[in-house]
């Protein structure tokens, strides 16, 4: 009877180990790539969608020769950045978190905007941004 318990424990441990290793990240680049959970991916997609919407609205307002008041403020993008998974912040580079990068981008920093777009591209949502 004792031998049967050991076999079951070992078999159970192998199954648990296989499940855990199957769920681990396969080489994260700091942008929350394929190792991200479905919830994290949804937040990333939402962020990139908001970033793209803000870019299109800003570009449209700029093309129409609108004054500063007509340019969108980017509040929705900043709110979306606050929801990003903590692993996503690692890709922000020397400028800090993705929240910091986003705030700088909506204030007109083109380098920060480029970092935000690069984040979306690395996350697989490049088509959502301009």
C-alpha atoms as a PDB file:
ATOM      1  CA  UNK A   1       0.000   0.000   0.000  1.00  0.00           C
ATOM      2  CA  UNK A   2       2.820   2.389   0.830  1.00  0.00           C
ATOM      3  CA  UNK A   3       4.398   1.929  -2.621  1.00  0.00           C
ATOM      4  CA  UNK A   4       1.130   2.978  -4.277  1.00  0.00           C
ATOM      5  CA  UNK A   5       1.022   6.235  -2.319  1.00  0.00           C
ATOM      6  CA  UNK A   6       4.544   7.151  -3.360  1.00  0.00           C
ATOM      7  CA  UNK A   7       3.797   6.476  -7.014  1.00  0.00           C
ATOM      8  CA  UNK A   8       0.662   8.647  -6.841  1.00  0.00           C
ATOM      9  CA  UNK A   9       2.571  11.478  -5.128  1.00  0.00           C
ATOM     10  CA  UNK A  10       5.370  11.365  -7.677  1.00  0.00           C
ATOM     11  CA  UNK A  11       2.896  11.225 -10.566  1.00  0.00           C
ATOM     12  CA  UNK A  12       0.969  14.148  -9.057  1.00  0.00           C
ATOM     13  CA  UNK A  13       4.166  16.159  -8.663  1.00  0.00           C
ATOM     14  CA  UNK A  14       5.088  15.528 -12.304  1.00  0.00           C
ATOM     15  CA  UNK A  15       1.658  16.709 -13.475  1.00  0.00           C
ATOM     16  CA  UNK A  16       1.880  19.854 -11.333  1.00  0.00           C
ATOM     17  CA  UNK A  17       5.398  20.563 -12.583  1.00  0.00           C
ATOM     18  CA  UNK A  18       4.275  20.123 -16.187  1.00  0.00           C
ATOM     19  CA  UNK A  19       1.341  22.470 -15.698  1.00  0.00           C
ATOM     20  CA  UNK A  20       3.471  25.122 -14.014  1.00  0.00           C
ATOM     21  CA  UNK A  21       6.200  24.981 -16.646  1.00  0.00           C
ATOM     22  CA  UNK A  22       3.595  25.220 -19.396  1.00  0.00           C
ATOM     23  CA  UNK A  23       2.295  28.466 -17.921  1.00  0.00           C
ATOM     24  CA  UNK A  24       5.606  30.202 -17.470  1.00  0.00           C
ATOM     25  CA  UNK A  25       6.889  33.005 -19.666  1.00  0.00           C
ATOM     26  CA  UNK A  26       9.033  31.920 -22.577  1.00  0.00           C
ATOM     27  CA  UNK A  27      11.547  34.738 -22.599  1.00  0.00           C
ATOM     28  CA  UNK A  28       9.898  37.986 -21.701  1.00  0.00           C
ATOM     29  CA  UNK A  29      11.421  41.080 -23.249  1.00  0.00           C
ATOM     30  CA  UNK A  30      10.007  43.348 -20.545  1.00  0.00           C
ATOM     31  CA  UNK A  31       7.033  44.435 -22.624  1.00  0.00           C
ATOM     32  CA  UNK A  32       4.596  41.874 -21.239  1.00  0.00           C
ATOM     33  CA  UNK A  33       4.785  39.549 -24.245  1.00  0.00           C
ATOM     34  CA  UNK A  34       3.406  36.042 -24.688  1.00  0.00           C
ATOM     35  CA  UNK A  35       3.963  35.200 -21.014  1.00  0.00           C
ATOM     36  CA  UNK A  36       1.286  37.698 -19.967  1.00  0.00           C
ATOM     37  CA  UNK A  37      -2.042  36.480 -18.649  1.00  0.00           C
ATOM     38  CA  UNK A  38      -5.225  37.041 -20.632  1.00  0.00           C
ATOM     39  CA  UNK A  39      -6.224  39.840 -18.259  1.00  0.00           C
ATOM     40  CA  UNK A  40      -2.840  41.537 -18.663  1.00  0.00           C
ATOM     41  CA  UNK A  41      -3.084  41.201 -22.449  1.00  0.00           C
ATOM     42  CA  UNK A  42      -6.541  42.777 -22.334  1.00  0.00           C
ATOM     43  CA  UNK A  43      -5.146  45.774 -20.402  1.00  0.00           C
ATOM     44  CA  UNK A  44      -2.293  46.058 -22.917  1.00  0.00           C
ATOM     45  CA  UNK A  45      -4.712  45.945 -25.829  1.00  0.00           C
ATOM     46  CA  UNK A  46      -6.905  48.572 -24.175  1.00  0.00           C
ATOM     47  CA  UNK A  47      -3.866  50.817 -23.635  1.00  0.00           C
ATOM     48  CA  UNK A  48      -2.760  50.501 -27.256  1.00  0.00           C
ATOM     49  CA  UNK A  49      -6.305  51.089 -28.506  1.00  0.00           C
ATOM     50  CA  UNK A  50      -6.568  54.274 -26.380  1.00  0.00           C
ATOM     51  CA  UNK A  51      -3.135  55.419 -27.528  1.00  0.00           C
ATOM     52  CA  UNK A  52      -4.136  54.948 -31.163  1.00  0.00           C
ATOM     53  CA  UNK A  53      -7.447  56.762 -30.653  1.00  0.00           C
ATOM     54  CA  UNK A  54      -5.658  59.667 -29.016  1.00  0.00           C
ATOM     55  CA  UNK A  55      -3.096  59.793 -31.854  1.00  0.00           C
ATOM     56  CA  UNK A  56      -5.793  59.828 -34.531  1.00  0.00           C
ATOM     57  CA  UNK A  57      -7.791  62.557 -32.742  1.00  0.00           C
ATOM     58  CA  UNK A  58      -4.655  64.636 -32.216  1.00  0.00           C
ATOM     59  CA  UNK A  59      -3.555  64.230 -35.811  1.00  0.00           C
ATOM     60  CA  UNK A  60      -7.027  65.108 -37.077  1.00  0.00           C
ATOM     61  CA  UNK A  61      -7.158  68.236 -34.912  1.00  0.00           C
ATOM     62  CA  UNK A  62      -3.670  69.231 -36.038  1.00  0.00           C
ATOM     63  CA  UNK A  63      -4.480  68.705 -39.724  1.00  0.00           C
ATOM     64  CA  UNK A  64      -7.555  70.896 -39.428  1.00  0.00           C
ATOM     65  CA  UNK A  65      -5.407  73.696 -38.035  1.00  0.00           C
ATOM     66  CA  UNK A  66      -7.183  73.636 -34.691  1.00  0.00           C
ATOM     67  CA  UNK A  67      -5.938  75.633 -31.762  1.00  0.00           C
ATOM     68  CA  UNK A  68      -4.568  74.033 -28.585  1.00  0.00           C
ATOM     69  CA  UNK A  69      -7.989  73.615 -27.012  1.00  0.00           C
ATOM     70  CA  UNK A  70      -9.212  71.296 -29.773  1.00  0.00           C
ATOM     71  CA  UNK A  71      -6.312  68.868 -29.336  1.00  0.00           C
ATOM     72  CA  UNK A  72      -7.389  65.938 -27.136  1.00  0.00           C
ATOM     73  CA  UNK A  73      -5.893  65.902 -23.647  1.00  0.00           C
ATOM     74  CA  UNK A  74      -5.039  62.206 -23.493  1.00  0.00           C
ATOM     75  CA  UNK A  75      -6.800  61.453 -20.192  1.00  0.00           C
ATOM     76  CA  UNK A  76      -8.103  58.123 -21.504  1.00  0.00           C
ATOM     77  CA  UNK A  77      -4.593  57.024 -22.496  1.00  0.00           C
ATOM     78  CA  UNK A  78      -3.186  57.980 -19.108  1.00  0.00           C
ATOM     79  CA  UNK A  79      -6.019  56.097 -17.365  1.00  0.00           C
ATOM     80  CA  UNK A  80      -5.297  53.042 -19.511  1.00  0.00           C
ATOM     81  CA  UNK A  81      -1.579  53.279 -18.647  1.00  0.00           C
ATOM     82  CA  UNK A  82      -2.469  53.115 -14.952  1.00  0.00           C
ATOM     83  CA  UNK A  83      -4.100  49.730 -15.551  1.00  0.00           C
ATOM     84  CA  UNK A  84      -1.114  48.103 -17.246  1.00  0.00           C
ATOM     85  CA  UNK A  85       0.380  45.069 -15.511  1.00  0.00           C
ATOM     86  CA  UNK A  86       3.500  45.815 -13.510  1.00  0.00           C
ATOM     87  CA  UNK A  87       5.587  43.602 -15.832  1.00  0.00           C
ATOM     88  CA  UNK A  88       4.725  45.965 -18.677  1.00  0.00           C
ATOM     89  CA  UNK A  89       6.477  48.835 -16.953  1.00  0.00           C
ATOM     90  CA  UNK A  90       9.872  47.179 -17.332  1.00  0.00           C
ATOM     91  CA  UNK A  91       9.949  48.105 -21.009  1.00  0.00           C
ATOM     92  CA  UNK A  92       9.727  51.834 -20.418  1.00  0.00           C
ATOM     93  CA  UNK A  93      13.480  52.302 -20.656  1.00  0.00           C
ATOM     94  CA  UNK A  94      15.365  55.047 -18.882  1.00  0.00           C
ATOM     95  CA  UNK A  95      12.344  57.335 -18.767  1.00  0.00           C
ATOM     96  CA  UNK A  96      10.551  55.369 -16.035  1.00  0.00           C
ATOM     97  CA  UNK A  97       7.240  53.573 -16.100  1.00  0.00           C
ATOM     98  CA  UNK A  98       4.837  53.322 -19.017  1.00  0.00           C
ATOM     99  CA  UNK A  99       2.642  55.726 -17.071  1.00  0.00           C
ATOM    100  CA  UNK A 100       5.494  58.260 -17.060  1.00  0.00           C
ATOM    101  CA  UNK A 101       6.157  57.655 -20.753  1.00  0.00           C
ATOM    102  CA  UNK A 102       2.457  58.098 -21.548  1.00  0.00           C
ATOM    103  CA  UNK A 103       2.162  61.363 -19.630  1.00  0.00           C
ATOM    104  CA  UNK A 104       5.203  62.734 -21.460  1.00  0.00           C
ATOM    105  CA  UNK A 105       3.766  61.559 -24.795  1.00  0.00           C
ATOM    106  CA  UNK A 106       0.414  63.291 -24.350  1.00  0.00           C
ATOM    107  CA  UNK A 107       2.296  66.450 -23.345  1.00  0.00           C
ATOM    108  CA  UNK A 108       4.003  66.449 -26.733  1.00  0.00           C
ATOM    109  CA  UNK A 109       7.250  64.496 -26.203  1.00  0.00           C
ATOM    110  CA  UNK A 110       7.720  62.683 -29.523  1.00  0.00           C
ATOM    111  CA  UNK A 111      10.426  60.388 -28.126  1.00  0.00           C
ATOM    112  CA  UNK A 112       8.080  59.237 -25.363  1.00  0.00           C
ATOM    113  CA  UNK A 113       5.331  58.708 -27.919  1.00  0.00           C
ATOM    114  CA  UNK A 114       7.744  56.560 -29.899  1.00  0.00           C
ATOM    115  CA  UNK A 115       8.430  54.472 -26.791  1.00  0.00           C
ATOM    116  CA  UNK A 116       4.694  54.017 -26.220  1.00  0.00           C
ATOM    117  CA  UNK A 117       4.241  52.897 -29.829  1.00  0.00           C
ATOM    118  CA  UNK A 118       7.240  50.540 -29.477  1.00  0.00           C
ATOM    119  CA  UNK A 119       5.610  49.068 -26.364  1.00  0.00           C
ATOM    120  CA  UNK A 120       2.419  48.376 -28.313  1.00  0.00           C
ATOM    121  CA  UNK A 121       4.399  46.888 -31.165  1.00  0.00           C
ATOM    122  CA  UNK A 122       6.336  44.568 -28.848  1.00  0.00           C
ATOM    123  CA  UNK A 123       3.076  43.544 -27.163  1.00  0.00           C
ATOM    124  CA  UNK A 124       1.630  42.603 -30.576  1.00  0.00           C
ATOM    125  CA  UNK A 125      -0.797  45.517 -30.907  1.00  0.00           C
ATOM    126  CA  UNK A 126       1.105  47.629 -33.437  1.00  0.00           C
ATOM    127  CA  UNK A 127      -1.921  47.911 -35.718  1.00  0.00           C
ATOM    128  CA  UNK A 128      -3.841  49.827 -33.049  1.00  0.00           C
ATOM    129  CA  UNK A 129      -1.445  52.783 -33.086  1.00  0.00           C
ATOM    130  CA  UNK A 130      -0.591  55.140 -35.884  1.00  0.00           C
END
